[in-house]
Amino acid sequence: MSHLCPILMALFTIACVPLAQAQGASEFNKEAIKSTGEAAAMAFVCGKLNQAQIDAHKEKARRLYLADGVSQATFDALYSEGFKEVQVQAKASHVQAGSPQCQLPAPGTAKQD
């Protein structure tokens, strides 16, 4: 489970590179922070991370964004917004650990579009 945090951060970073190029840094940071909260919530809902791991991941992300000039209040608000949105969607869709939505396909078995 502890290996999931670096994987989530790497995937998130790769996915947001085009966004960073298309928007200003502050707008990119806003989207990145919200998406970080969303990814953490999905990992929590699916049972991949526990509350202590979520808290540690959030604190690490907070330090990175504070060092980049984002205020603590802005970080907390955006992270919480993303986290809560996923929790609401997951509850409405009855997503929980073991749900099909939480299952990743085995490497090499994903359908090609």
PDB file of N, CA and C in Angstrom:
ATOM      1  N   MET A   1       0.808  -1.191   0.000  1.00  0.00           N
ATOM      2  CA  MET A   1       0.000   0.000   0.000  1.00  0.00           C
ATOM      3  C   MET A   1       0.857   1.264   0.000  1.00  0.00           C
ATOM      4  N   SER A   2       1.993   1.233   0.692  1.00  0.00           N
ATOM      5  CA  SER A   2       2.818   2.430   0.759  1.00  0.00           C
ATOM      6  C   SER A   2       3.422   2.776  -0.598  1.00  0.00           C
ATOM      7  N   HIS A   3       3.430   1.820  -1.517  1.00  0.00           N
ATOM      8  CA  HIS A   3       3.951   2.077  -2.853  1.00  0.00           C
ATOM      9  C   HIS A   3       2.943   2.815  -3.715  1.00  0.00           C
ATOM     10  N   LEU A   4       1.704   2.908  -3.294  1.00  0.00           N
ATOM     11  CA  LEU A   4       0.655   3.538  -4.081  1.00  0.00           C
ATOM     12  C   LEU A   4       0.819   5.051  -4.154  1.00  0.00           C
ATOM     13  N   CYS A   5       1.298   5.688  -3.105  1.00  0.00           N
ATOM     14  CA  CYS A   5       1.433   7.151  -3.098  1.00  0.00           C
ATOM     15  C   CYS A   5       2.347   7.654  -4.216  1.00  0.00           C
ATOM     16  N   PRO A   6       3.559   7.132  -4.358  1.00  0.00           N
ATOM     17  CA  PRO A   6       4.409   7.611  -5.448  1.00  0.00           C
ATOM     18  C   PRO A   6       3.803   7.323  -6.821  1.00  0.00           C
ATOM     19  N   ILE A   7       3.111   6.210  -6.945  1.00  0.00           N
ATOM     20  CA  ILE A   7       2.481   5.870  -8.217  1.00  0.00           C
ATOM     21  C   ILE A   7       1.388   6.877  -8.539  1.00  0.00           C
ATOM     22  N   LEU A   8       0.544   7.205  -7.548  1.00  0.00           N
ATOM     23  CA  LEU A   8      -0.516   8.194  -7.762  1.00  0.00           C
ATOM     24  C   LEU A   8       0.070   9.543  -8.154  1.00  0.00           C
ATOM     25  N   MET A   9       1.106   9.964  -7.470  1.00  0.00           N
ATOM     26  CA  MET A   9       1.713  11.262  -7.773  1.00  0.00           C
ATOM     27  C   MET A   9       2.327  11.266  -9.172  1.00  0.00           C
ATOM     28  N   ALA A  10       2.990  10.177  -9.559  1.00  0.00           N
ATOM     29  CA  ALA A  10       3.596  10.111 -10.891  1.00  0.00           C
ATOM     30  C   ALA A  10       2.534  10.138 -11.983  1.00  0.00           C
ATOM     31  N   LEU A  11       1.487   9.340 -11.823  1.00  0.00           N
ATOM     32  CA  LEU A  11       0.411   9.328 -12.813  1.00  0.00           C
ATOM     33  C   LEU A  11      -0.259  10.689 -12.910  1.00  0.00           C
ATOM     34  N   PHE A  12      -0.475  11.297 -11.785  1.00  0.00           N
ATOM     35  CA  PHE A  12      -1.107  12.608 -11.769  1.00  0.00           C
ATOM     36  C   PHE A  12      -0.238  13.634 -12.482  1.00  0.00           C
ATOM     37  N   THR A  13       1.061  13.619 -12.219  1.00  0.00           N
ATOM     38  CA  THR A  13       1.975  14.568 -12.844  1.00  0.00           C
ATOM     39  C   THR A  13       1.990  14.404 -14.351  1.00  0.00           C
ATOM     40  N   ILE A  14       2.066  13.166 -14.814  1.00  0.00           N
ATOM     41  CA  ILE A  14       2.072  12.891 -16.247  1.00  0.00           C
ATOM     42  C   ILE A  14       0.779  13.378 -16.896  1.00  0.00           C
ATOM     43  N   ALA A  15      -0.334  13.128 -16.243  1.00  0.00           N
ATOM     44  CA  ALA A  15      -1.631  13.511 -16.804  1.00  0.00           C
ATOM     45  C   ALA A  15      -1.805  15.020 -16.880  1.00  0.00           C
ATOM     46  N   CYS A  16      -1.147  15.765 -16.028  1.00  0.00           N
ATOM     47  CA  CYS A  16      -1.368  17.213 -15.964  1.00  0.00           C
ATOM     48  C   CYS A  16      -0.354  18.042 -16.742  1.00  0.00           C
ATOM     49  N   VAL A  17       0.634  17.439 -17.368  1.00  0.00           N
ATOM     50  CA  VAL A  17       1.625  18.215 -18.111  1.00  0.00           C
ATOM     51  C   VAL A  17       0.972  19.072 -19.196  1.00  0.00           C
ATOM     52  N   PRO A  18       0.057  18.524 -20.017  1.00  0.00           N
ATOM     53  CA  PRO A  18      -0.583  19.388 -21.018  1.00  0.00           C
ATOM     54  C   PRO A  18      -1.352  20.545 -20.380  1.00  0.00           C
ATOM     55  N   LEU A  19      -1.962  20.311 -19.248  1.00  0.00           N
ATOM     56  CA  LEU A  19      -2.691  21.356 -18.543  1.00  0.00           C
ATOM     57  C   LEU A  19      -1.737  22.463 -18.108  1.00  0.00           C
ATOM     58  N   ALA A  20      -0.567  22.092 -17.649  1.00  0.00           N
ATOM     59  CA  ALA A  20       0.412  23.082 -17.205  1.00  0.00           C
ATOM     60  C   ALA A  20       0.886  23.937 -18.367  1.00  0.00           C
ATOM     61  N   GLN A  21       1.019  23.338 -19.530  1.00  0.00           N
ATOM     62  CA  GLN A  21       1.473  24.081 -20.691  1.00  0.00           C
ATOM     63  C   GLN A  21       0.395  25.017 -21.213  1.00  0.00           C
ATOM     64  N   ALA A  22      -0.871  24.642 -21.057  1.00  0.00           N
ATOM     65  CA  ALA A  22      -1.978  25.424 -21.597  1.00  0.00           C
ATOM     66  C   ALA A  22      -2.421  26.548 -20.666  1.00  0.00           C
ATOM     67  N   GLN A  23      -2.125  26.439 -19.378  1.00  0.00           N
ATOM     68  CA  GLN A  23      -2.611  27.408 -18.403  1.00  0.00           C
ATOM     69  C   GLN A  23      -1.450  27.991 -17.614  1.00  0.00           C
ATOM     70  N   GLY A  24      -1.729  29.079 -16.931  1.00  0.00           N
ATOM     71  CA  GLY A  24      -0.714  29.673 -16.074  1.00  0.00           C
ATOM     72  C   GLY A  24      -0.408  28.769 -14.898  1.00  0.00           C
ATOM     73  N   ALA A  25       0.737  29.011 -14.267  1.00  0.00           N
ATOM     74  CA  ALA A  25       1.161  28.156 -13.155  1.00  0.00           C
ATOM     75  C   ALA A  25       0.158  28.151 -12.012  1.00  0.00           C
ATOM     76  N   SER A  26      -0.416  29.289 -11.682  1.00  0.00           N
ATOM     77  CA  SER A  26      -1.339  29.308 -10.554  1.00  0.00           C
ATOM     78  C   SER A  26      -2.599  28.503 -10.865  1.00  0.00           C
ATOM     79  N   GLU A  27      -3.087  28.594 -12.091  1.00  0.00           N
ATOM     80  CA  GLU A  27      -4.263  27.811 -12.480  1.00  0.00           C
ATOM     81  C   GLU A  27      -3.913  26.322 -12.500  1.00  0.00           C
ATOM     82  N   PHE A  28      -2.716  26.008 -12.959  1.00  0.00           N
ATOM     83  CA  PHE A  28      -2.258  24.616 -12.949  1.00  0.00           C
ATOM     84  C   PHE A  28      -2.206  24.091 -11.524  1.00  0.00           C
ATOM     85  N   ASN A  29      -1.644  24.881 -10.607  1.00  0.00           N
ATOM     86  CA  ASN A  29      -1.562  24.447  -9.212  1.00  0.00           C
ATOM     87  C   ASN A  29      -2.940  24.185  -8.636  1.00  0.00           C
ATOM     88  N   LYS A  30      -3.908  25.033  -8.960  1.00  0.00           N
ATOM     89  CA  LYS A  30      -5.267  24.838  -8.458  1.00  0.00           C
ATOM     90  C   LYS A  30      -5.838  23.506  -8.927  1.00  0.00           C
ATOM     91  N   GLU A  31      -5.699  23.220 -10.208  1.00  0.00           N
ATOM     92  CA  GLU A  31      -6.202  21.956 -10.748  1.00  0.00           C
ATOM     93  C   GLU A  31      -5.430  20.769 -10.174  1.00  0.00           C
ATOM     94  N   ALA A  32      -4.124  20.944 -10.019  1.00  0.00           N
ATOM     95  CA  ALA A  32      -3.290  19.864  -9.495  1.00  0.00           C
ATOM     96  C   ALA A  32      -3.650  19.530  -8.052  1.00  0.00           C
ATOM     97  N   ILE A  33      -3.877  20.546  -7.251  1.00  0.00           N
ATOM     98  CA  ILE A  33      -4.228  20.320  -5.843  1.00  0.00           C
ATOM     99  C   ILE A  33      -5.570  19.614  -5.744  1.00  0.00           C
ATOM    100  N   LYS A  34      -6.547  20.082  -6.495  1.00  0.00           N
ATOM    101  CA  LYS A  34      -7.869  19.452  -6.470  1.00  0.00           C
ATOM    102  C   LYS A  34      -7.773  17.998  -6.933  1.00  0.00           C
ATOM    103  N   SER A  35      -7.004  17.747  -7.987  1.00  0.00           N
ATOM    104  CA  SER A  35      -6.840  16.383  -8.489  1.00  0.00           C
ATOM    105  C   SER A  35      -6.107  15.491  -7.499  1.00  0.00           C
ATOM    106  N   THR A  36      -5.188  16.070  -6.744  1.00  0.00           N
ATOM    107  CA  THR A  36      -4.492  15.309  -5.710  1.00  0.00           C
ATOM    108  C   THR A  36      -5.485  14.849  -4.649  1.00  0.00           C
ATOM    109  N   GLY A  37      -6.392  15.731  -4.262  1.00  0.00           N
ATOM    110  CA  GLY A  37      -7.450  15.357  -3.317  1.00  0.00           C
ATOM    111  C   GLY A  37      -8.360  14.283  -3.884  1.00  0.00           C
ATOM    112  N   GLU A  38      -8.686  14.396  -5.173  1.00  0.00           N
ATOM    113  CA  GLU A  38      -9.540  13.396  -5.823  1.00  0.00           C
ATOM    114  C   GLU A  38      -8.869  12.022  -5.832  1.00  0.00           C
ATOM    115  N   ALA A  39      -7.586  11.990  -6.194  1.00  0.00           N
ATOM    116  CA  ALA A  39      -6.860  10.716  -6.242  1.00  0.00           C
ATOM    117  C   ALA A  39      -6.760  10.091  -4.852  1.00  0.00           C
ATOM    118  N   ALA A  40      -6.504  10.920  -3.853  1.00  0.00           N
ATOM    119  CA  ALA A  40      -6.416  10.411  -2.482  1.00  0.00           C
ATOM    120  C   ALA A  40      -7.756   9.843  -2.029  1.00  0.00           C
ATOM    121  N   ALA A  41      -8.835  10.528  -2.365  1.00  0.00           N
ATOM    122  CA  ALA A  41     -10.168  10.044  -1.974  1.00  0.00           C
ATOM    123  C   ALA A  41     -10.482   8.710  -2.626  1.00  0.00           C
ATOM    124  N   MET A  42     -10.141   8.556  -3.896  1.00  0.00           N
ATOM    125  CA  MET A  42     -10.425   7.290  -4.571  1.00  0.00           C
ATOM    126  C   MET A  42      -9.607   6.161  -3.945  1.00  0.00           C
ATOM    127  N   ALA A  43      -8.350   6.435  -3.629  1.00  0.00           N
ATOM    128  CA  ALA A  43      -7.524   5.422  -2.977  1.00  0.00           C
ATOM    129  C   ALA A  43      -8.103   5.054  -1.610  1.00  0.00           C
ATOM    130  N   PHE A  44      -8.624   6.039  -0.893  1.00  0.00           N
ATOM    131  CA  PHE A  44      -9.227   5.799   0.419  1.00  0.00           C
ATOM    132  C   PHE A  44     -10.524   5.009   0.285  1.00  0.00           C
ATOM    133  N   VAL A  45     -11.397   5.448  -0.603  1.00  0.00           N
ATOM    134  CA  VAL A  45     -12.685   4.774  -0.816  1.00  0.00           C
ATOM    135  C   VAL A  45     -12.471   3.317  -1.216  1.00  0.00           C
ATOM    136  N   CYS A  46     -11.464   3.079  -2.036  1.00  0.00           N
ATOM    137  CA  CYS A  46     -11.205   1.728  -2.531  1.00  0.00           C
ATOM    138  C   CYS A  46     -10.372   0.887  -1.569  1.00  0.00           C
ATOM    139  N   GLY A  47     -10.009   1.448  -0.434  1.00  0.00           N
ATOM    140  CA  GLY A  47      -9.273   0.682   0.561  1.00  0.00           C
ATOM    141  C   GLY A  47      -7.803   0.498   0.251  1.00  0.00           C
ATOM    142  N   LYS A  48      -7.269   1.310  -0.657  1.00  0.00           N
ATOM    143  CA  LYS A  48      -5.854   1.195  -1.020  1.00  0.00           C
ATOM    144  C   LYS A  48      -4.963   1.946  -0.037  1.00  0.00           C
ATOM    145  N   LEU A  49      -5.518   2.980   0.606  1.00  0.00           N
ATOM    146  CA  LEU A  49      -4.795   3.747   1.615  1.00  0.00           C
ATOM    147  C   LEU A  49      -5.686   3.917   2.833  1.00  0.00           C
ATOM    148  N   ASN A  50      -5.067   3.903   4.023  1.00  0.00           N
ATOM    149  CA  ASN A  50      -5.838   4.153   5.245  1.00  0.00           C
ATOM    150  C   ASN A  50      -5.746   5.638   5.607  1.00  0.00           C
ATOM    151  N   GLN A  51      -6.449   6.049   6.656  1.00  0.00           N
ATOM    152  CA  GLN A  51      -6.497   7.471   7.012  1.00  0.00           C
ATOM    153  C   GLN A  51      -5.116   8.031   7.327  1.00  0.00           C
ATOM    154  N   ALA A  52      -4.282   7.277   8.016  1.00  0.00           N
ATOM    155  CA  ALA A  52      -2.935   7.757   8.338  1.00  0.00           C
ATOM    156  C   ALA A  52      -2.117   7.980   7.066  1.00  0.00           C
ATOM    157  N   GLN A  53      -2.246   7.086   6.104  1.00  0.00           N
ATOM    158  CA  GLN A  53      -1.528   7.239   4.838  1.00  0.00           C
ATOM    159  C   GLN A  53      -2.051   8.436   4.053  1.00  0.00           C
ATOM    160  N   ILE A  54      -3.364   8.638   4.077  1.00  0.00           N
ATOM    161  CA  ILE A  54      -3.961   9.797   3.409  1.00  0.00           C
ATOM    162  C   ILE A  54      -3.435  11.080   4.045  1.00  0.00           C
ATOM    163  N   ASP A  55      -3.411  11.124   5.365  1.00  0.00           N
ATOM    164  CA  ASP A  55      -2.928  12.313   6.072  1.00  0.00           C
ATOM    165  C   ASP A  55      -1.464  12.601   5.744  1.00  0.00           C
ATOM    166  N   ALA A  56      -0.634  11.556   5.710  1.00  0.00           N
ATOM    167  CA  ALA A  56       0.785  11.731   5.388  1.00  0.00           C
ATOM    168  C   ALA A  56       0.956  12.216   3.949  1.00  0.00           C
ATOM    169  N   HIS A  57       0.198  11.641   3.036  1.00  0.00           N
ATOM    170  CA  HIS A  57       0.258  12.038   1.628  1.00  0.00           C
ATOM    171  C   HIS A  57      -0.175  13.497   1.474  1.00  0.00           C
ATOM    172  N   LYS A  58      -1.239  13.877   2.164  1.00  0.00           N
ATOM    173  CA  LYS A  58      -1.741  15.253   2.095  1.00  0.00           C
ATOM    174  C   LYS A  58      -0.696  16.227   2.631  1.00  0.00           C
ATOM    175  N   GLU A  59      -0.059  15.881   3.731  1.00  0.00           N
ATOM    176  CA  GLU A  59       0.947  16.764   4.320  1.00  0.00           C
ATOM    177  C   GLU A  59       2.145  16.927   3.390  1.00  0.00           C
ATOM    178  N   LYS A  60       2.553  15.854   2.751  1.00  0.00           N
ATOM    179  CA  LYS A  60       3.673  15.926   1.810  1.00  0.00           C
ATOM    180  C   LYS A  60       3.307  16.831   0.631  1.00  0.00           C
ATOM    181  N   ALA A  61       2.110  16.647   0.098  1.00  0.00           N
ATOM    182  CA  ALA A  61       1.653  17.488  -1.012  1.00  0.00           C
ATOM    183  C   ALA A  61       1.543  18.948  -0.569  1.00  0.00           C
ATOM    184  N   ARG A  62       1.018  19.176   0.631  1.00  0.00           N
ATOM    185  CA  ARG A  62       0.882  20.545   1.152  1.00  0.00           C
ATOM    186  C   ARG A  62       2.243  21.230   1.195  1.00  0.00           C
ATOM    187  N   ARG A  63       3.261  20.544   1.710  1.00  0.00           N
ATOM    188  CA  ARG A  63       4.601  21.134   1.792  1.00  0.00           C
ATOM    189  C   ARG A  63       5.119  21.518   0.407  1.00  0.00           C
ATOM    190  N   LEU A  64       4.896  20.647  -0.580  1.00  0.00           N
ATOM    191  CA  LEU A  64       5.357  20.930  -1.942  1.00  0.00           C
ATOM    192  C   LEU A  64       4.688  22.179  -2.508  1.00  0.00           C
ATOM    193  N   TYR A  65       3.382  22.290  -2.322  1.00  0.00           N
ATOM    194  CA  TYR A  65       2.667  23.442  -2.868  1.00  0.00           C
ATOM    195  C   TYR A  65       2.943  24.720  -2.087  1.00  0.00           C
ATOM    196  N   LEU A  66       3.126  24.617  -0.779  1.00  0.00           N
ATOM    197  CA  LEU A  66       3.488  25.801  -0.001  1.00  0.00           C
ATOM    198  C   LEU A  66       4.838  26.335  -0.466  1.00  0.00           C
ATOM    199  N   ALA A  67       5.772  25.432  -0.760  1.00  0.00           N
ATOM    200  CA  ALA A  67       7.084  25.837  -1.256  1.00  0.00           C
ATOM    201  C   ALA A  67       6.978  26.496  -2.630  1.00  0.00           C
ATOM    202  N   ASP A  68       5.903  26.189  -3.358  1.00  0.00           N
ATOM    203  CA  ASP A  68       5.689  26.757  -4.689  1.00  0.00           C
ATOM    204  C   ASP A  68       4.862  28.045  -4.630  1.00  0.00           C
ATOM    205  N   GLY A  69       4.576  28.527  -3.421  1.00  0.00           N
ATOM    206  CA  GLY A  69       3.889  29.795  -3.269  1.00  0.00           C
ATOM    207  C   GLY A  69       2.390  29.729  -3.072  1.00  0.00           C
ATOM    208  N   VAL A  70       1.831  28.536  -2.951  1.00  0.00           N
ATOM    209  CA  VAL A  70       0.395  28.386  -2.708  1.00  0.00           C
ATOM    210  C   VAL A  70       0.142  28.559  -1.214  1.00  0.00           C
ATOM    211  N   SER A  71      -0.881  29.313  -0.862  1.00  0.00           N
ATOM    212  CA  SER A  71      -1.177  29.502   0.560  1.00  0.00           C
ATOM    213  C   SER A  71      -1.772  28.227   1.153  1.00  0.00           C
ATOM    214  N   GLN A  72      -1.599  28.075   2.460  1.00  0.00           N
ATOM    215  CA  GLN A  72      -2.133  26.893   3.138  1.00  0.00           C
ATOM    216  C   GLN A  72      -3.652  26.847   3.018  1.00  0.00           C
ATOM    217  N   ALA A  73      -4.304  27.989   3.141  1.00  0.00           N
ATOM    218  CA  ALA A  73      -5.770  28.033   3.045  1.00  0.00           C
ATOM    219  C   ALA A  73      -6.244  27.599   1.659  1.00  0.00           C
ATOM    220  N   THR A  74      -5.548  28.056   0.622  1.00  0.00           N
ATOM    221  CA  THR A  74      -5.910  27.671  -0.748  1.00  0.00           C
ATOM    222  C   THR A  74      -5.714  26.177  -0.941  1.00  0.00           C
ATOM    223  N   PHE A  75      -4.568  25.665  -0.483  1.00  0.00           N
ATOM    224  CA  PHE A  75      -4.317  24.231  -0.612  1.00  0.00           C
ATOM    225  C   PHE A  75      -5.406  23.436   0.092  1.00  0.00           C
ATOM    226  N   ASP A  76      -5.677  23.772   1.343  1.00  0.00           N
ATOM    227  CA  ASP A  76      -6.660  23.016   2.125  1.00  0.00           C
ATOM    228  C   ASP A  76      -8.040  23.051   1.483  1.00  0.00           C
ATOM    229  N   ALA A  77      -8.446  24.213   0.986  1.00  0.00           N
ATOM    230  CA  ALA A  77      -9.772  24.333   0.372  1.00  0.00           C
ATOM    231  C   ALA A  77      -9.878  23.500  -0.904  1.00  0.00           C
ATOM    232  N   LEU A  78      -8.878  23.592  -1.778  1.00  0.00           N
ATOM    233  CA  LEU A  78      -8.931  22.866  -3.052  1.00  0.00           C
ATOM    234  C   LEU A  78      -8.794  21.361  -2.856  1.00  0.00           C
ATOM    235  N   TYR A  79      -7.892  20.950  -1.975  1.00  0.00           N
ATOM    236  CA  TYR A  79      -7.710  19.525  -1.702  1.00  0.00           C
ATOM    237  C   TYR A  79      -9.006  18.941  -1.140  1.00  0.00           C
ATOM    238  N   SER A  80      -9.593  19.638  -0.181  1.00  0.00           N
ATOM    239  CA  SER A  80     -10.842  19.166   0.430  1.00  0.00           C
ATOM    240  C   SER A  80     -11.974  19.117  -0.584  1.00  0.00           C
ATOM    241  N   GLU A  81     -12.027  20.103  -1.471  1.00  0.00           N
ATOM    242  CA  GLU A  81     -13.064  20.120  -2.504  1.00  0.00           C
ATOM    243  C   GLU A  81     -12.975  18.869  -3.381  1.00  0.00           C
ATOM    244  N   GLY A  82     -11.763  18.563  -3.851  1.00  0.00           N
ATOM    245  CA  GLY A  82     -11.577  17.372  -4.678  1.00  0.00           C
ATOM    246  C   GLY A  82     -11.878  16.093  -3.918  1.00  0.00           C
ATOM    247  N   PHE A  83     -11.421  16.021  -2.675  1.00  0.00           N
ATOM    248  CA  PHE A  83     -11.629  14.829  -1.852  1.00  0.00           C
ATOM    249  C   PHE A  83     -13.122  14.595  -1.625  1.00  0.00           C
ATOM    250  N   LYS A  84     -13.830  15.665  -1.249  1.00  0.00           N
ATOM    251  CA  LYS A  84     -15.263  15.540  -0.957  1.00  0.00           C
ATOM    252  C   LYS A  84     -16.073  15.189  -2.196  1.00  0.00           C
ATOM    253  N   GLU A  85     -15.720  15.756  -3.351  1.00  0.00           N
ATOM    254  CA  GLU A  85     -16.445  15.446  -4.587  1.00  0.00           C
ATOM    255  C   GLU A  85     -16.389  13.954  -4.896  1.00  0.00           C
ATOM    256  N   VAL A  86     -15.212  13.366  -4.762  1.00  0.00           N
ATOM    257  CA  VAL A  86     -15.072  11.935  -5.034  1.00  0.00           C
ATOM    258  C   VAL A  86     -15.836  11.122  -4.002  1.00  0.00           C
ATOM    259  N   GLN A  87     -15.778  11.515  -2.739  1.00  0.00           N
ATOM    260  CA  GLN A  87     -16.526  10.782  -1.714  1.00  0.00           C
ATOM    261  C   GLN A  87     -18.024  10.808  -1.993  1.00  0.00           C
ATOM    262  N   VAL A  88     -18.555  11.948  -2.397  1.00  0.00           N
ATOM    263  CA  VAL A  88     -19.982  12.058  -2.705  1.00  0.00           C
ATOM    264  C   VAL A  88     -20.338  11.182  -3.906  1.00  0.00           C
ATOM    265  N   GLN A  89     -19.513  11.237  -4.951  1.00  0.00           N
ATOM    266  CA  GLN A  89     -19.760  10.416  -6.141  1.00  0.00           C
ATOM    267  C   GLN A  89     -19.668   8.938  -5.805  1.00  0.00           C
ATOM    268  N   ALA A  90     -18.685   8.570  -5.007  1.00  0.00           N
ATOM    269  CA  ALA A  90     -18.506   7.167  -4.637  1.00  0.00           C
ATOM    270  C   ALA A  90     -19.696   6.670  -3.823  1.00  0.00           C
ATOM    271  N   LYS A  91     -20.163   7.482  -2.899  1.00  0.00           N
ATOM    272  CA  LYS A  91     -21.315   7.089  -2.083  1.00  0.00           C
ATOM    273  C   LYS A  91     -22.553   6.936  -2.958  1.00  0.00           C
ATOM    274  N   ALA A  92     -22.769   7.874  -3.871  1.00  0.00           N
ATOM    275  CA  ALA A  92     -23.935   7.818  -4.754  1.00  0.00           C
ATOM    276  C   ALA A  92     -23.887   6.601  -5.677  1.00  0.00           C
ATOM    277  N   SER A  93     -22.680   6.187  -6.041  1.00  0.00           N
ATOM    278  CA  SER A  93     -22.505   5.042  -6.943  1.00  0.00           C
ATOM    279  C   SER A  93     -22.249   3.741  -6.193  1.00  0.00           C
ATOM    280  N   HIS A  94     -22.290   3.794  -4.871  1.00  0.00           N
ATOM    281  CA  HIS A  94     -22.067   2.622  -4.018  1.00  0.00           C
ATOM    282  C   HIS A  94     -20.690   1.992  -4.260  1.00  0.00           C
ATOM    283  N   VAL A  95     -19.685   2.843  -4.443  1.00  0.00           N
ATOM    284  CA  VAL A  95     -18.314   2.370  -4.633  1.00  0.00           C
ATOM    285  C   VAL A  95     -17.703   2.138  -3.262  1.00  0.00           C
ATOM    286  N   GLN A  96     -17.057   0.995  -3.110  1.00  0.00           N
ATOM    287  CA  GLN A  96     -16.358   0.661  -1.877  1.00  0.00           C
ATOM    288  C   GLN A  96     -15.241  -0.314  -2.218  1.00  0.00           C
ATOM    289  N   ALA A  97     -14.408  -0.614  -1.239  1.00  0.00           N
ATOM    290  CA  ALA A  97     -13.311  -1.555  -1.473  1.00  0.00           C
ATOM    291  C   ALA A  97     -13.876  -2.839  -2.060  1.00  0.00           C
ATOM    292  N   GLY A  98     -13.265  -3.316  -3.111  1.00  0.00           N
ATOM    293  CA  GLY A  98     -13.719  -4.538  -3.768  1.00  0.00           C
ATOM    294  C   GLY A  98     -14.703  -4.298  -4.898  1.00  0.00           C
ATOM    295  N   SER A  99     -15.210  -3.070  -5.026  1.00  0.00           N
ATOM    296  CA  SER A  99     -16.130  -2.748  -6.116  1.00  0.00           C
ATOM    297  C   SER A  99     -15.403  -2.847  -7.456  1.00  0.00           C
ATOM    298  N   PRO A 100     -16.137  -3.132  -8.521  1.00  0.00           N
ATOM    299  CA  PRO A 100     -15.496  -3.185  -9.844  1.00  0.00           C
ATOM    300  C   PRO A 100     -14.764  -1.882 -10.199  1.00  0.00           C
ATOM    301  N   GLN A 101     -15.282  -0.749  -9.744  1.00  0.00           N
ATOM    302  CA  GLN A 101     -14.641   0.532 -10.033  1.00  0.00           C
ATOM    303  C   GLN A 101     -13.267   0.649  -9.376  1.00  0.00           C
ATOM    304  N   CYS A 102     -13.019  -0.161  -8.365  1.00  0.00           N
ATOM    305  CA  CYS A 102     -11.745  -0.111  -7.645  1.00  0.00           C
ATOM    306  C   CYS A 102     -10.726  -1.107  -8.183  1.00  0.00           C
ATOM    307  N   GLN A 103     -11.117  -1.893  -9.130  1.00  0.00           N
ATOM    308  CA  GLN A 103     -10.229  -2.928  -9.645  1.00  0.00           C
ATOM    309  C   GLN A 103      -9.479  -2.430 -10.873  1.00  0.00           C
ATOM    310  N   LEU A 104      -8.185  -2.525 -10.838  1.00  0.00           N
ATOM    311  CA  LEU A 104      -7.366  -2.201 -11.997  1.00  0.00           C
ATOM    312  C   LEU A 104      -7.114  -3.481 -12.773  1.00  0.00           C
ATOM    313  N   PRO A 105      -7.124  -3.412 -14.095  1.00  0.00           N
ATOM    314  CA  PRO A 105      -6.834  -4.621 -14.865  1.00  0.00           C
ATOM    315  C   PRO A 105      -5.379  -5.052 -14.659  1.00  0.00           C
ATOM    316  N   ALA A 106      -5.145  -6.335 -14.794  1.00  0.00           N
ATOM    317  CA  ALA A 106      -3.778  -6.843 -14.689  1.00  0.00           C
ATOM    318  C   ALA A 106      -2.949  -6.227 -15.812  1.00  0.00           C
ATOM    319  N   PRO A 107      -1.672  -5.965 -15.557  1.00  0.00           N
ATOM    320  CA  PRO A 107      -0.828  -5.371 -16.601  1.00  0.00           C
ATOM    321  C   PRO A 107      -0.894  -6.187 -17.891  1.00  0.00           C
ATOM    322  N   GLY A 108      -1.084  -5.483 -18.992  1.00  0.00           N
ATOM    323  CA  GLY A 108      -1.121  -6.136 -20.294  1.00  0.00           C
ATOM    324  C   GLY A 108      -2.474  -6.685 -20.686  1.00  0.00           C
ATOM    325  N   THR A 109      -3.484  -6.574 -19.806  1.00  0.00           N
ATOM    326  CA  THR A 109      -4.797  -7.131 -20.133  1.00  0.00           C
ATOM    327  C   THR A 109      -5.846  -6.063 -20.414  1.00  0.00           C
ATOM    328  N   ALA A 110      -5.464  -4.803 -20.329  1.00  0.00           N
ATOM    329  CA  ALA A 110      -6.425  -3.725 -20.574  1.00  0.00           C
ATOM    330  C   ALA A 110      -6.816  -3.704 -22.043  1.00  0.00           C
ATOM    331  N   LYS A 111      -8.093  -3.371 -22.296  1.00  0.00           N
ATOM    332  CA  LYS A 111      -8.573  -3.292 -23.671  1.00  0.00           C
ATOM    333  C   LYS A 111      -7.911  -2.113 -24.374  1.00  0.00           C
ATOM    334  N   GLN A 112      -7.551  -2.321 -25.609  1.00  0.00           N
ATOM    335  CA  GLN A 112      -6.982  -1.256 -26.427  1.00  0.00           C
ATOM    336  C   GLN A 112      -8.099  -0.557 -27.174  1.00  0.00           C
ATOM    337  N   ASP A 113      -8.094   0.771 -27.163  1.00  0.00           N
ATOM    338  CA  ASP A 113      -9.117   1.532 -27.891  1.00  0.00           C
ATOM    339  C   ASP A 113      -8.752   1.681 -29.342  1.00  0.00           C
TER     340      ASP A 113
END
